[in-house]
N, C-alpha and C. Protein backbone atom coordinates (compact mmCIF):
# COMPACT_ATOMS: atom_id res chain seq x y z
N UNK A 1 0.84 -1.17 0.00
CA UNK A 1 0.00 0.00 0.00
C UNK A 1 0.89 1.24 0.00
N UNK A 2 0.60 2.18 -0.88
CA UNK A 2 1.38 3.41 -0.96
C UNK A 2 1.04 4.39 0.16
N UNK A 3 2.00 5.22 0.47
CA UNK A 3 1.80 6.24 1.48
C UNK A 3 1.84 7.61 0.81
N UNK A 4 1.04 8.55 1.30
CA UNK A 4 1.06 9.89 0.71
C UNK A 4 2.37 10.60 1.02
N UNK A 5 2.88 11.33 0.04
CA UNK A 5 4.09 12.11 0.24
C UNK A 5 3.84 13.60 0.06
N UNK A 6 2.70 13.96 -0.48
CA UNK A 6 2.38 15.36 -0.68
C UNK A 6 0.92 15.53 -0.98
N UNK A 7 0.50 16.77 -0.96
CA UNK A 7 -0.89 17.06 -1.28
C UNK A 7 -1.58 17.81 -0.17
N UNK A 8 -2.58 17.21 0.39
CA UNK A 8 -3.44 17.86 1.38
C UNK A 8 -2.62 18.36 2.58
N UNK A 9 -2.87 19.60 2.97
CA UNK A 9 -2.29 20.13 4.21
C UNK A 9 -3.22 21.22 4.75
N UNK A 10 -3.00 21.58 6.01
CA UNK A 10 -3.83 22.59 6.64
C UNK A 10 -2.95 23.53 7.45
N UNK A 11 -3.48 24.74 7.68
CA UNK A 11 -2.74 25.73 8.45
C UNK A 11 -3.65 26.34 9.51
N UNK A 12 -3.07 26.59 10.67
CA UNK A 12 -3.75 27.31 11.75
C UNK A 12 -2.78 28.36 12.29
N UNK A 13 -3.33 29.52 12.60
CA UNK A 13 -2.55 30.61 13.18
C UNK A 13 -3.19 30.96 14.51
N UNK A 14 -2.41 30.81 15.58
CA UNK A 14 -2.92 31.03 16.94
C UNK A 14 -4.21 30.26 17.18
N UNK A 15 -4.27 29.03 16.66
CA UNK A 15 -5.41 28.15 16.85
C UNK A 15 -6.56 28.35 15.87
N UNK A 16 -6.52 29.38 15.06
CA UNK A 16 -7.57 29.66 14.07
C UNK A 16 -7.18 29.06 12.73
N UNK A 17 -8.04 28.16 12.19
CA UNK A 17 -7.76 27.56 10.88
C UNK A 17 -8.10 28.52 9.75
N UNK A 18 -7.29 28.46 8.70
CA UNK A 18 -7.51 29.28 7.51
C UNK A 18 -7.64 28.37 6.31
N UNK A 19 -8.32 28.84 5.27
CA UNK A 19 -8.51 28.07 4.04
C UNK A 19 -7.24 28.15 3.19
N UNK A 20 -6.45 27.11 3.27
CA UNK A 20 -5.16 27.06 2.59
C UNK A 20 -5.37 26.75 1.11
N UNK A 21 -4.91 27.62 0.25
CA UNK A 21 -5.12 27.48 -1.19
C UNK A 21 -3.97 26.73 -1.85
N UNK A 22 -2.74 27.04 -1.47
CA UNK A 22 -1.58 26.38 -2.08
C UNK A 22 -0.34 27.23 -1.98
N UNK A 23 0.62 26.95 -2.87
CA UNK A 23 1.90 27.66 -2.93
C UNK A 23 2.63 27.64 -1.59
N UNK A 24 2.52 26.53 -0.87
CA UNK A 24 3.13 26.45 0.46
C UNK A 24 4.62 26.18 0.33
N UNK A 25 5.40 26.97 1.03
CA UNK A 25 6.85 26.77 1.13
C UNK A 25 7.22 26.83 2.60
N UNK A 26 8.09 25.91 3.00
CA UNK A 26 8.61 25.89 4.36
C UNK A 26 10.07 26.29 4.26
N UNK A 27 10.44 27.36 4.96
CA UNK A 27 11.80 27.89 4.89
C UNK A 27 12.54 27.53 6.17
N UNK A 28 13.67 26.86 6.02
CA UNK A 28 14.45 26.42 7.17
C UNK A 28 15.28 27.52 7.81
N UNK A 29 16.05 27.14 8.83
CA UNK A 29 16.78 28.13 9.61
C UNK A 29 18.29 28.14 9.38
N UNK A 30 18.77 27.37 8.40
CA UNK A 30 20.21 27.31 8.09
C UNK A 30 20.39 27.34 6.58
N UNK A 31 21.37 28.09 6.11
CA UNK A 31 21.75 28.00 4.70
C UNK A 31 23.24 27.71 4.61
N UNK A 32 23.61 27.03 3.56
CA UNK A 32 25.01 26.70 3.32
C UNK A 32 25.41 27.15 1.93
N UNK A 33 26.62 27.66 1.83
CA UNK A 33 27.14 28.12 0.56
C UNK A 33 28.56 27.60 0.40
N UNK A 34 28.81 26.96 -0.74
CA UNK A 34 30.14 26.43 -1.00
C UNK A 34 31.18 27.52 -1.14
N UNK A 35 32.39 27.19 -0.68
CA UNK A 35 33.52 28.10 -0.80
C UNK A 35 34.56 27.44 -1.70
N UNK A 36 34.93 28.15 -2.76
CA UNK A 36 35.94 27.61 -3.67
C UNK A 36 37.14 28.54 -3.70
N UNK A 37 38.26 27.96 -3.93
CA UNK A 37 39.49 28.72 -4.09
C UNK A 37 40.10 28.37 -5.44
N UNK A 38 41.22 28.96 -5.72
CA UNK A 38 41.89 28.66 -6.99
C UNK A 38 42.41 27.23 -7.04
N UNK A 39 42.58 26.63 -5.87
CA UNK A 39 43.09 25.26 -5.81
C UNK A 39 42.01 24.21 -5.58
N UNK A 40 40.71 24.61 -5.58
CA UNK A 40 39.63 23.65 -5.41
C UNK A 40 38.62 24.10 -4.38
N UNK A 41 37.79 23.16 -3.96
CA UNK A 41 36.74 23.45 -2.99
C UNK A 41 37.33 23.42 -1.59
N UNK A 42 37.07 24.49 -0.83
CA UNK A 42 37.60 24.60 0.52
C UNK A 42 36.61 24.15 1.59
N UNK A 43 35.35 24.07 1.23
CA UNK A 43 34.32 23.69 2.19
C UNK A 43 33.08 24.54 1.97
N UNK A 44 32.44 24.93 3.07
CA UNK A 44 31.23 25.73 2.95
C UNK A 44 31.10 26.69 4.12
N UNK A 45 30.29 27.71 3.91
CA UNK A 45 29.91 28.65 4.96
C UNK A 45 28.51 28.28 5.42
N UNK A 46 28.27 28.33 6.69
CA UNK A 46 26.95 28.06 7.23
C UNK A 46 26.46 29.31 7.94
N UNK A 47 25.24 29.73 7.59
CA UNK A 47 24.69 30.96 8.15
C UNK A 47 23.27 30.71 8.67
N UNK A 48 22.91 31.40 9.75
CA UNK A 48 21.53 31.30 10.20
C UNK A 48 20.60 32.05 9.25
N UNK A 49 19.40 31.55 9.08
CA UNK A 49 18.36 32.19 8.29
C UNK A 49 17.12 32.34 9.17
N UNK A 50 16.23 33.20 8.76
CA UNK A 50 14.98 33.37 9.50
C UNK A 50 13.97 32.36 8.96
N UNK A 51 13.54 31.40 9.79
CA UNK A 51 12.62 30.38 9.30
C UNK A 51 11.23 30.95 9.07
N UNK A 52 10.45 30.23 8.26
CA UNK A 52 9.09 30.69 8.04
C UNK A 52 8.32 29.89 7.02
N UNK A 53 7.16 30.42 6.67
CA UNK A 53 6.26 29.82 5.68
C UNK A 53 5.87 30.89 4.67
N UNK A 54 5.72 30.48 3.43
CA UNK A 54 5.04 31.27 2.40
C UNK A 54 3.83 30.45 1.99
N UNK A 55 2.70 31.11 1.72
CA UNK A 55 1.51 30.36 1.34
C UNK A 55 0.47 31.28 0.71
N UNK A 56 -0.51 30.67 0.09
CA UNK A 56 -1.66 31.39 -0.44
C UNK A 56 -2.90 30.83 0.24
N UNK A 57 -3.74 31.73 0.75
CA UNK A 57 -5.00 31.31 1.37
C UNK A 57 -6.16 31.92 0.59
N UNK A 58 -7.35 31.39 0.83
CA UNK A 58 -8.55 31.92 0.18
C UNK A 58 -9.14 33.03 1.02
N UNK A 59 -9.66 34.05 0.34
CA UNK A 59 -10.29 35.19 1.01
C UNK A 59 -11.75 34.85 1.29
N UNK A 60 -12.06 34.67 2.56
CA UNK A 60 -13.46 34.44 2.94
C UNK A 60 -14.04 35.76 3.43
N UNK A 61 -15.33 35.85 3.46
CA UNK A 61 -15.99 37.11 3.83
C UNK A 61 -15.64 37.61 5.21
N UNK A 62 -15.38 36.71 6.14
CA UNK A 62 -15.09 37.12 7.51
C UNK A 62 -13.61 37.29 7.80
N UNK A 63 -12.77 37.18 6.78
CA UNK A 63 -11.32 37.26 6.97
C UNK A 63 -10.86 38.72 6.98
N UNK A 64 -10.12 39.11 8.00
CA UNK A 64 -9.65 40.48 8.12
C UNK A 64 -8.18 40.57 7.71
N UNK A 65 -7.90 41.36 6.67
CA UNK A 65 -6.52 41.60 6.26
C UNK A 65 -5.75 42.35 7.34
N UNK A 66 -6.44 43.22 8.07
CA UNK A 66 -5.79 43.95 9.16
C UNK A 66 -5.27 42.99 10.23
N UNK A 67 -6.06 41.99 10.56
CA UNK A 67 -5.62 41.00 11.54
C UNK A 67 -4.38 40.28 11.04
N UNK A 68 -4.40 39.84 9.77
CA UNK A 68 -3.26 39.13 9.21
C UNK A 68 -2.00 39.99 9.16
N UNK A 69 -2.14 41.24 8.74
CA UNK A 69 -0.95 42.08 8.60
C UNK A 69 -0.37 42.49 9.95
N UNK A 70 -1.17 42.42 11.00
CA UNK A 70 -0.70 42.83 12.33
C UNK A 70 -0.29 41.66 13.22
N UNK A 71 -0.15 40.47 12.65
CA UNK A 71 0.27 39.32 13.46
C UNK A 71 1.69 39.52 13.98
N UNK A 72 1.83 39.34 15.28
CA UNK A 72 3.15 39.40 15.94
C UNK A 72 3.12 38.40 17.08
N UNK A 73 4.26 37.77 17.33
CA UNK A 73 4.38 36.80 18.42
C UNK A 73 3.31 35.72 18.32
N UNK A 74 3.06 35.26 17.09
CA UNK A 74 2.02 34.26 16.84
C UNK A 74 2.63 32.87 16.66
N UNK A 75 1.78 31.86 16.77
CA UNK A 75 2.18 30.47 16.53
C UNK A 75 1.45 29.97 15.30
N UNK A 76 2.22 29.44 14.34
CA UNK A 76 1.70 28.94 13.08
C UNK A 76 1.89 27.43 13.04
N UNK A 77 0.82 26.69 12.76
CA UNK A 77 0.88 25.23 12.65
C UNK A 77 0.55 24.82 11.23
N UNK A 78 1.43 24.05 10.62
CA UNK A 78 1.22 23.51 9.29
C UNK A 78 1.24 22.00 9.40
N UNK A 79 0.12 21.35 9.01
CA UNK A 79 -0.01 19.90 9.10
C UNK A 79 -0.06 19.33 7.69
N UNK A 80 0.83 18.36 7.41
CA UNK A 80 0.92 17.75 6.09
C UNK A 80 0.23 16.40 6.07
N UNK A 81 -0.16 15.95 4.88
CA UNK A 81 -0.88 14.68 4.73
C UNK A 81 -0.03 13.48 5.15
N UNK A 82 1.29 13.62 5.07
CA UNK A 82 2.17 12.50 5.43
C UNK A 82 2.38 12.39 6.95
N UNK A 83 1.70 13.23 7.71
CA UNK A 83 1.77 13.15 9.17
C UNK A 83 2.75 14.12 9.80
N UNK A 84 3.57 14.78 8.99
CA UNK A 84 4.50 15.76 9.55
C UNK A 84 3.76 17.01 9.98
N UNK A 85 4.32 17.65 11.00
CA UNK A 85 3.78 18.92 11.46
C UNK A 85 4.93 19.89 11.63
N UNK A 86 4.71 21.13 11.20
CA UNK A 86 5.69 22.20 11.39
C UNK A 86 5.05 23.28 12.24
N UNK A 87 5.79 23.70 13.27
CA UNK A 87 5.31 24.72 14.18
C UNK A 87 6.31 25.88 14.15
N UNK A 88 5.82 27.04 13.76
CA UNK A 88 6.63 28.26 13.75
C UNK A 88 6.23 29.10 14.95
N UNK A 89 7.18 29.35 15.82
CA UNK A 89 6.89 30.06 17.06
C UNK A 89 7.39 31.50 17.02
N UNK A 90 6.73 32.34 17.80
CA UNK A 90 7.07 33.76 17.90
C UNK A 90 7.14 34.40 16.52
N UNK A 91 6.10 34.14 15.71
CA UNK A 91 6.09 34.55 14.32
C UNK A 91 5.37 35.86 14.06
N UNK A 92 5.63 36.38 12.87
CA UNK A 92 5.05 37.64 12.43
C UNK A 92 4.78 37.58 10.94
N UNK A 93 3.96 38.53 10.47
CA UNK A 93 3.71 38.68 9.04
C UNK A 93 4.85 39.50 8.45
N UNK A 94 5.43 38.98 7.40
CA UNK A 94 6.56 39.64 6.73
C UNK A 94 6.07 40.22 5.40
N UNK A 95 6.57 41.37 5.03
CA UNK A 95 6.26 42.03 3.76
C UNK A 95 4.77 42.37 3.65
N UNK A 96 4.40 42.91 2.53
CA UNK A 96 3.01 43.28 2.29
C UNK A 96 2.17 42.05 1.99
N UNK A 97 0.92 42.12 2.37
CA UNK A 97 -0.03 41.08 2.00
C UNK A 97 -0.54 41.40 0.61
N UNK A 98 -0.61 40.37 -0.22
CA UNK A 98 -1.08 40.56 -1.59
C UNK A 98 -2.44 39.88 -1.74
N UNK A 99 -3.48 40.68 -2.02
CA UNK A 99 -4.83 40.17 -2.23
C UNK A 99 -5.20 40.34 -3.70
N UNK A 100 -5.62 39.25 -4.33
CA UNK A 100 -6.13 39.29 -5.69
C UNK A 100 -7.64 39.06 -5.61
N UNK A 101 -8.46 40.15 -5.68
CA UNK A 101 -9.90 39.98 -5.53
C UNK A 101 -10.56 39.25 -6.69
N UNK A 102 -9.90 39.18 -7.84
CA UNK A 102 -10.46 38.48 -8.99
C UNK A 102 -10.57 36.98 -8.74
N UNK A 103 -9.55 36.41 -8.10
CA UNK A 103 -9.60 34.97 -7.83
C UNK A 103 -9.66 34.64 -6.33
N UNK A 104 -9.74 35.65 -5.48
CA UNK A 104 -9.90 35.42 -4.05
C UNK A 104 -8.67 34.88 -3.35
N UNK A 105 -7.49 35.16 -3.88
CA UNK A 105 -6.24 34.66 -3.29
C UNK A 105 -5.54 35.74 -2.47
N UNK A 106 -5.02 35.31 -1.33
CA UNK A 106 -4.19 36.17 -0.49
C UNK A 106 -2.84 35.50 -0.34
N UNK A 107 -1.79 36.17 -0.77
CA UNK A 107 -0.43 35.64 -0.63
C UNK A 107 0.19 36.20 0.64
N UNK A 108 0.75 35.30 1.44
CA UNK A 108 1.29 35.67 2.75
C UNK A 108 2.70 35.13 2.94
N UNK A 109 3.47 35.86 3.73
CA UNK A 109 4.79 35.42 4.15
C UNK A 109 4.85 35.57 5.67
N UNK A 110 5.20 34.49 6.33
CA UNK A 110 5.34 34.50 7.78
C UNK A 110 6.77 34.11 8.14
N UNK A 111 7.33 34.79 9.12
CA UNK A 111 8.65 34.46 9.62
C UNK A 111 8.55 34.37 11.13
N UNK A 112 9.51 33.66 11.73
CA UNK A 112 9.48 33.49 13.17
C UNK A 112 10.85 33.20 13.74
N UNK A 113 10.88 33.02 15.03
CA UNK A 113 12.13 32.81 15.75
C UNK A 113 12.56 31.36 15.69
N UNK A 114 11.61 30.44 15.80
CA UNK A 114 11.96 29.01 15.88
C UNK A 114 10.97 28.19 15.06
N UNK A 115 11.50 27.26 14.27
CA UNK A 115 10.68 26.32 13.50
C UNK A 115 10.95 24.91 14.00
N UNK A 116 9.89 24.24 14.42
CA UNK A 116 10.01 22.85 14.88
C UNK A 116 9.39 21.93 13.85
N UNK A 117 10.03 20.80 13.62
CA UNK A 117 9.50 19.78 12.73
C UNK A 117 9.16 18.56 13.58
N UNK A 118 7.91 18.12 13.53
CA UNK A 118 7.47 16.92 14.24
C UNK A 118 7.18 15.86 13.20
N UNK A 119 7.89 14.74 13.26
CA UNK A 119 7.73 13.67 12.28
C UNK A 119 6.61 12.74 12.68
N UNK A 120 6.00 12.11 11.67
CA UNK A 120 4.96 11.13 11.95
C UNK A 120 5.61 9.84 12.42
N UNK A 121 4.87 9.08 13.17
CA UNK A 121 5.42 7.81 13.71
C UNK A 121 5.03 6.65 12.87
């Protein structure tokens, strides 16, 4: 029997579920960049990054853009179909919120202090 590896997922912010449309990206907290010299590869540089999520949600009638743009010190939960869960703590809304009223899409970027990954058993 096959197991799901992608597809259905859900998001909640401070316990409130939102209609997740797609374009979900999970951004980790470390980046690495190779270092090369004239004599070959010397290794890599490791730098901290600000973890977060990018996503598109659906605009429902009761959804307040002001609430979304003013999120600070929030907890974001992303649950994947394969059983993994990602929790972004002490998070905020990053950059401008983009609303497309023609198709009802809101593009969001969230960043936070700590990203936890909980694996399925």
